[in-house]
Every structure is written in C-alpha cells, then in structure tokens.
Amino acid sequence: VPTVIHGRNFQFRNTAGLRGVALSF
C-alpha cells in the first residue's frame, strides 16, 4: 500500500546495491 509523505527540507537515500533508475518528467 502506498505511503505518502509531504513537507519541507527532506531527503531520502538509496540502500547500496540496488539497481535503479531515477527519471524526470
């Protein structure tokens, strides 16, 4: 189930070793 977070001045990071893409639209 999705979790939605909103606010200001936050960051989150990827755990090492995962394959991924981050695409901008």
PDB file of all heavy atoms in Angstrom:
ATOM      1  N   VAL A   1       0.870  -1.171   0.000  1.00  0.00           N
ATOM      2  CA  VAL A   1       0.000   0.000   0.000  1.00  0.00           C
ATOM      3  C   VAL A   1       0.915   1.231   0.000  1.00  0.00           C
ATOM      4  O   VAL A   1       1.925   1.258   0.713  1.00  0.00           O
ATOM      5  CB  VAL A   1      -0.894  -0.012   1.264  1.00  0.00           C
ATOM      6  CG1 VAL A   1      -1.686   1.270   1.384  1.00  0.00           C
ATOM      7  CG2 VAL A   1      -1.794  -1.232   1.271  1.00  0.00           C
ATOM      8  N   PRO A   2       0.611   2.259  -0.787  1.00  0.00           N
ATOM      9  CA  PRO A   2       1.475   3.444  -0.827  1.00  0.00           C
ATOM     10  C   PRO A   2       1.503   4.202   0.505  1.00  0.00           C
ATOM     11  O   PRO A   2       0.521   4.248   1.232  1.00  0.00           O
ATOM     12  CB  PRO A   2       0.837   4.327  -1.903  1.00  0.00           C
ATOM     13  CG  PRO A   2      -0.063   3.441  -2.675  1.00  0.00           C
ATOM     14  CD  PRO A   2      -0.494   2.345  -1.747  1.00  0.00           C
ATOM     15  N   THR A   3       2.644   4.797   0.771  1.00  0.00           N
ATOM     16  CA  THR A   3       2.816   5.714   1.889  1.00  0.00           C
ATOM     17  C   THR A   3       3.172   7.066   1.290  1.00  0.00           C
ATOM     18  O   THR A   3       4.103   7.162   0.492  1.00  0.00           O
ATOM     19  CB  THR A   3       3.961   5.256   2.817  1.00  0.00           C
ATOM     20  OG1 THR A   3       3.625   3.983   3.353  1.00  0.00           O
ATOM     21  CG2 THR A   3       4.203   6.257   3.927  1.00  0.00           C
ATOM     22  N   VAL A   4       2.438   8.117   1.660  1.00  0.00           N
ATOM     23  CA  VAL A   4       2.696   9.450   1.121  1.00  0.00           C
ATOM     24  C   VAL A   4       3.229  10.335   2.240  1.00  0.00           C
ATOM     25  O   VAL A   4       2.669  10.379   3.335  1.00  0.00           O
ATOM     26  CB  VAL A   4       1.419  10.079   0.509  1.00  0.00           C
ATOM     27  CG1 VAL A   4       1.737  11.443  -0.084  1.00  0.00           C
ATOM     28  CG2 VAL A   4       0.832   9.167  -0.552  1.00  0.00           C
ATOM     29  N   ILE A   5       4.309  11.033   1.928  1.00  0.00           N
ATOM     30  CA  ILE A   5       4.948  11.941   2.880  1.00  0.00           C
ATOM     31  C   ILE A   5       5.032  13.302   2.217  1.00  0.00           C
ATOM     32  O   ILE A   5       5.357  13.404   1.040  1.00  0.00           O
ATOM     33  CB  ILE A   5       6.366  11.448   3.233  1.00  0.00           C
ATOM     34  CG1 ILE A   5       6.305  10.029   3.800  1.00  0.00           C
ATOM     35  CG2 ILE A   5       7.061  12.417   4.179  1.00  0.00           C
ATOM     36  CD1 ILE A   5       7.636   9.329   3.863  1.00  0.00           C
ATOM     37  N   HIS A   6       4.730  14.352   2.970  1.00  0.00           N
ATOM     38  CA  HIS A   6       4.886  15.696   2.419  1.00  0.00           C
ATOM     39  C   HIS A   6       5.470  16.599   3.488  1.00  0.00           C
ATOM     40  O   HIS A   6       5.337  16.351   4.682  1.00  0.00           O
ATOM     41  CB  HIS A   6       3.566  16.256   1.868  1.00  0.00           C
ATOM     42  CG  HIS A   6       2.564  16.623   2.905  1.00  0.00           C
ATOM     43  ND1 HIS A   6       2.409  17.900   3.368  1.00  0.00           N
ATOM     44  CD2 HIS A   6       1.673  15.866   3.589  1.00  0.00           C
ATOM     45  CE1 HIS A   6       1.446  17.923   4.272  1.00  0.00           C
ATOM     46  NE2 HIS A   6       0.986  16.694   4.431  1.00  0.00           N
ATOM     47  N   GLY A   7       6.155  17.629   3.032  1.00  0.00           N
ATOM     48  CA  GLY A   7       6.757  18.554   3.974  1.00  0.00           C
ATOM     49  C   GLY A   7       7.844  19.368   3.322  1.00  0.00           C
ATOM     50  O   GLY A   7       7.895  19.501   2.101  1.00  0.00           O
ATOM     51  N   ARG A   8       8.741  19.876   4.144  1.00  0.00           N
ATOM     52  CA  ARG A   8       9.825  20.747   3.672  1.00  0.00           C
ATOM     53  C   ARG A   8      11.179  20.176   4.097  1.00  0.00           C
ATOM     54  O   ARG A   8      11.289  19.517   5.122  1.00  0.00           O
ATOM     55  CB  ARG A   8       9.689  22.134   4.287  1.00  0.00           C
ATOM     56  CG  ARG A   8       8.445  22.864   3.882  1.00  0.00           C
ATOM     57  CD  ARG A   8       8.470  24.287   4.482  1.00  0.00           C
ATOM     58  NE  ARG A   8       7.297  25.018   4.077  1.00  0.00           N
ATOM     59  CZ  ARG A   8       7.149  25.606   2.898  1.00  0.00           C
ATOM     60  NH1 ARG A   8       8.093  25.532   2.004  1.00  0.00           N
ATOM     61  NH2 ARG A   8       6.046  26.263   2.612  1.00  0.00           N
ATOM     62  N   ASN A   9      12.176  20.515   3.289  1.00  0.00           N
ATOM     63  CA  ASN A   9      13.581  20.257   3.621  1.00  0.00           C
ATOM     64  C   ASN A   9      13.851  18.818   4.040  1.00  0.00           C
ATOM     65  O   ASN A   9      14.344  18.562   5.132  1.00  0.00           O
ATOM     66  CB  ASN A   9      14.042  21.219   4.720  1.00  0.00           C
ATOM     67  CG  ASN A   9      13.898  22.654   4.308  1.00  0.00           C
ATOM     68  OD1 ASN A   9      14.189  22.998   3.159  1.00  0.00           O
ATOM     69  ND2 ASN A   9      13.422  23.482   5.206  1.00  0.00           N
ATOM     70  N   PHE A  10      13.516  17.871   3.173  1.00  0.00           N
ATOM     71  CA  PHE A  10      13.803  16.481   3.477  1.00  0.00           C
ATOM     72  C   PHE A  10      14.560  15.841   2.330  1.00  0.00           C
ATOM     73  O   PHE A  10      14.543  16.323   1.210  1.00  0.00           O
ATOM     74  CB  PHE A  10      12.526  15.690   3.791  1.00  0.00           C
ATOM     75  CG  PHE A  10      11.516  15.688   2.678  1.00  0.00           C
ATOM     76  CD1 PHE A  10      11.594  14.783   1.638  1.00  0.00           C
ATOM     77  CD2 PHE A  10      10.460  16.588   2.680  1.00  0.00           C
ATOM     78  CE1 PHE A  10      10.651  14.782   0.620  1.00  0.00           C
ATOM     79  CE2 PHE A  10       9.514  16.599   1.667  1.00  0.00           C
ATOM     80  CZ  PHE A  10       9.614  15.691   0.634  1.00  0.00           C
ATOM     81  N   GLN A  11      15.249  14.753   2.651  1.00  0.00           N
ATOM     82  CA  GLN A  11      15.959  13.948   1.675  1.00  0.00           C
ATOM     83  C   GLN A  11      15.723  12.488   2.020  1.00  0.00           C
ATOM     84  O   GLN A  11      15.443  12.154   3.176  1.00  0.00           O
ATOM     85  CB  GLN A  11      17.469  14.186   1.735  1.00  0.00           C
ATOM     86  CG  GLN A  11      17.937  15.469   1.139  1.00  0.00           C
ATOM     87  CD  GLN A  11      19.457  15.514   1.166  1.00  0.00           C
ATOM     88  OE1 GLN A  11      20.062  15.396   2.215  1.00  0.00           O
ATOM     89  NE2 GLN A  11      20.041  15.676   0.006  1.00  0.00           N
ATOM     90  N   PHE A  12      15.886  11.627   1.031  1.00  0.00           N
ATOM     91  CA  PHE A  12      15.943  10.209   1.313  1.00  0.00           C
ATOM     92  C   PHE A  12      16.972   9.589   0.395  1.00  0.00           C
ATOM     93  O   PHE A  12      17.318  10.163  -0.623  1.00  0.00           O
ATOM     94  CB  PHE A  12      14.566   9.526   1.219  1.00  0.00           C
ATOM     95  CG  PHE A  12      13.875   9.665  -0.111  1.00  0.00           C
ATOM     96  CD1 PHE A  12      13.882   8.618  -1.015  1.00  0.00           C
ATOM     97  CD2 PHE A  12      13.181  10.816  -0.442  1.00  0.00           C
ATOM     98  CE1 PHE A  12      13.230   8.731  -2.229  1.00  0.00           C
ATOM     99  CE2 PHE A  12      12.532  10.937  -1.645  1.00  0.00           C
ATOM    100  CZ  PHE A  12      12.552   9.884  -2.542  1.00  0.00           C
ATOM    101  N   ARG A  13      17.496   8.454   0.767  1.00  0.00           N
ATOM    102  CA  ARG A  13      18.614   7.834   0.063  1.00  0.00           C
ATOM    103  C   ARG A  13      18.306   6.397  -0.310  1.00  0.00           C
ATOM    104  O   ARG A  13      17.478   5.749   0.301  1.00  0.00           O
ATOM    105  CB  ARG A  13      19.863   7.838   0.949  1.00  0.00           C
ATOM    106  CG  ARG A  13      20.355   9.201   1.276  1.00  0.00           C
ATOM    107  CD  ARG A  13      21.209   9.693   0.144  1.00  0.00           C
ATOM    108  NE  ARG A  13      21.704  11.018   0.467  1.00  0.00           N
ATOM    109  CZ  ARG A  13      21.616  12.038  -0.357  1.00  0.00           C
ATOM    110  NH1 ARG A  13      21.083  11.903  -1.532  1.00  0.00           N
ATOM    111  NH2 ARG A  13      22.077  13.206  -0.009  1.00  0.00           N
ATOM    112  N   ASN A  14      19.087   5.889  -1.248  1.00  0.00           N
ATOM    113  CA  ASN A  14      19.004   4.519  -1.712  1.00  0.00           C
ATOM    114  C   ASN A  14      19.917   3.631  -0.865  1.00  0.00           C
ATOM    115  O   ASN A  14      21.003   4.041  -0.476  1.00  0.00           O
ATOM    116  CB  ASN A  14      19.443   4.485  -3.187  1.00  0.00           C
ATOM    117  CG  ASN A  14      19.381   3.112  -3.762  1.00  0.00           C
ATOM    118  OD1 ASN A  14      18.538   2.311  -3.389  1.00  0.00           O
ATOM    119  ND2 ASN A  14      20.276   2.828  -4.674  1.00  0.00           N
ATOM    120  N   THR A  15      19.486   2.417  -0.591  1.00  0.00           N
ATOM    121  CA  THR A  15      20.331   1.434   0.053  1.00  0.00           C
ATOM    122  C   THR A  15      21.327   0.933  -0.982  1.00  0.00           C
ATOM    123  O   THR A  15      20.977   0.710  -2.132  1.00  0.00           O
ATOM    124  CB  THR A  15      19.477   0.256   0.565  1.00  0.00           C
ATOM    125  OG1 THR A  15      18.494   0.769   1.457  1.00  0.00           O
ATOM    126  CG2 THR A  15      20.326  -0.768   1.276  1.00  0.00           C
ATOM    127  N   ALA A  16      22.552   0.760  -0.599  1.00  0.00           N
ATOM    128  CA  ALA A  16      23.597   0.318  -1.527  1.00  0.00           C
ATOM    129  C   ALA A  16      23.242  -1.016  -2.158  1.00  0.00           C
ATOM    130  O   ALA A  16      22.617  -1.873  -1.543  1.00  0.00           O
ATOM    131  CB  ALA A  16      24.920   0.208  -0.780  1.00  0.00           C
ATOM    132  N   GLY A  17      23.631  -1.183  -3.413  1.00  0.00           N
ATOM    133  CA  GLY A  17      23.488  -2.462  -4.091  1.00  0.00           C
ATOM    134  C   GLY A  17      22.234  -2.618  -4.926  1.00  0.00           C
ATOM    135  O   GLY A  17      22.104  -3.591  -5.650  1.00  0.00           O
ATOM    136  N   LEU A  18      21.298  -1.704  -4.839  1.00  0.00           N
ATOM    137  CA  LEU A  18      20.082  -1.832  -5.632  1.00  0.00           C
ATOM    138  C   LEU A  18      20.305  -1.281  -7.037  1.00  0.00           C
ATOM    139  O   LEU A  18      21.023  -0.309  -7.227  1.00  0.00           O
ATOM    140  CB  LEU A  18      18.922  -1.090  -4.964  1.00  0.00           C
ATOM    141  CG  LEU A  18      18.474  -1.640  -3.622  1.00  0.00           C
ATOM    142  CD1 LEU A  18      17.408  -0.744  -3.022  1.00  0.00           C
ATOM    143  CD2 LEU A  18      17.964  -3.043  -3.755  1.00  0.00           C
ATOM    144  N   ARG A  19      19.668  -1.910  -8.014  1.00  0.00           N
ATOM    145  CA  ARG A  19      19.690  -1.404  -9.378  1.00  0.00           C
ATOM    146  C   ARG A  19      18.489  -0.497  -9.535  1.00  0.00           C
ATOM    147  O   ARG A  19      17.391  -0.846  -9.118  1.00  0.00           O
ATOM    148  CB  ARG A  19      19.601  -2.570 -10.359  1.00  0.00           C
ATOM    149  CG  ARG A  19      20.784  -3.497 -10.268  1.00  0.00           C
ATOM    150  CD  ARG A  19      20.524  -4.774 -11.073  1.00  0.00           C
ATOM    151  NE  ARG A  19      21.566  -5.732 -10.788  1.00  0.00           N
ATOM    152  CZ  ARG A  19      21.441  -6.751  -9.956  1.00  0.00           C
ATOM    153  NH1 ARG A  19      20.308  -6.949  -9.340  1.00  0.00           N
ATOM    154  NH2 ARG A  19      22.432  -7.566  -9.749  1.00  0.00           N
ATOM    155  N   GLY A  20      18.684   0.642 -10.133  1.00  0.00           N
ATOM    156  CA  GLY A  20      17.540   1.524 -10.234  1.00  0.00           C
ATOM    157  C   GLY A  20      17.709   2.614 -11.257  1.00  0.00           C
ATOM    158  O   GLY A  20      18.781   2.789 -11.836  1.00  0.00           O
ATOM    159  N   VAL A  21      16.604   3.307 -11.472  1.00  0.00           N
ATOM    160  CA  VAL A  21      16.597   4.500 -12.311  1.00  0.00           C
ATOM    161  C   VAL A  21      15.795   5.570 -11.603  1.00  0.00           C
ATOM    162  O   VAL A  21      14.850   5.281 -10.879  1.00  0.00           O
ATOM    163  CB  VAL A  21      16.013   4.253 -13.722  1.00  0.00           C
ATOM    164  CG1 VAL A  21      16.883   3.310 -14.525  1.00  0.00           C
ATOM    165  CG2 VAL A  21      14.588   3.771 -13.675  1.00  0.00           C
ATOM    166  N   ALA A  22      16.216   6.800 -11.820  1.00  0.00           N
ATOM    167  CA  ALA A  22      15.508   7.973 -11.318  1.00  0.00           C
ATOM    168  C   ALA A  22      15.253   8.840 -12.540  1.00  0.00           C
ATOM    169  O   ALA A  22      16.186   9.391 -13.115  1.00  0.00           O
ATOM    170  CB  ALA A  22      16.346   8.700 -10.290  1.00  0.00           C
ATOM    171  N   LEU A  23      13.985   8.904 -12.963  1.00  0.00           N
ATOM    172  CA  LEU A  23      13.638   9.608 -14.188  1.00  0.00           C
ATOM    173  C   LEU A  23      12.843  10.862 -13.896  1.00  0.00           C
ATOM    174  O   LEU A  23      11.977  10.873 -13.030  1.00  0.00           O
ATOM    175  CB  LEU A  23      12.829   8.692 -15.106  1.00  0.00           C
ATOM    176  CG  LEU A  23      13.482   7.361 -15.459  1.00  0.00           C
ATOM    177  CD1 LEU A  23      12.568   6.559 -16.371  1.00  0.00           C
ATOM    178  CD2 LEU A  23      14.845   7.552 -16.075  1.00  0.00           C
ATOM    179  N   SER A  24      13.131  11.888 -14.643  1.00  0.00           N
ATOM    180  CA  SER A  24      12.448  13.167 -14.506  1.00  0.00           C
ATOM    181  C   SER A  24      11.482  13.341 -15.676  1.00  0.00           C
ATOM    182  O   SER A  24      11.804  13.005 -16.810  1.00  0.00           O
ATOM    183  CB  SER A  24      13.497  14.285 -14.502  1.00  0.00           C
ATOM    184  OG  SER A  24      12.894  15.528 -14.343  1.00  0.00           O
ATOM    185  N   PHE A  25      10.302  13.871 -15.364  1.00  0.00           N
ATOM    186  CA  PHE A  25       9.267  14.124 -16.359  1.00  0.00           C
ATOM    187  C   PHE A  25       8.723  15.529 -16.133  1.00  0.00           C
ATOM    188  O   PHE A  25       8.899  16.102 -15.061  1.00  0.00           O
ATOM    189  CB  PHE A  25       8.106  13.134 -16.212  1.00  0.00           C
ATOM    190  CG  PHE A  25       8.479  11.704 -16.431  1.00  0.00           C
ATOM    191  CD1 PHE A  25       8.934  10.914 -15.380  1.00  0.00           C
ATOM    192  CD2 PHE A  25       8.373  11.130 -17.687  1.00  0.00           C
ATOM    193  CE1 PHE A  25       9.272   9.594 -15.576  1.00  0.00           C
ATOM    194  CE2 PHE A  25       8.706   9.806 -17.891  1.00  0.00           C
ATOM    195  CZ  PHE A  25       9.158   9.031 -16.837  1.00  0.00           C
TER     196      PHE A  25
END
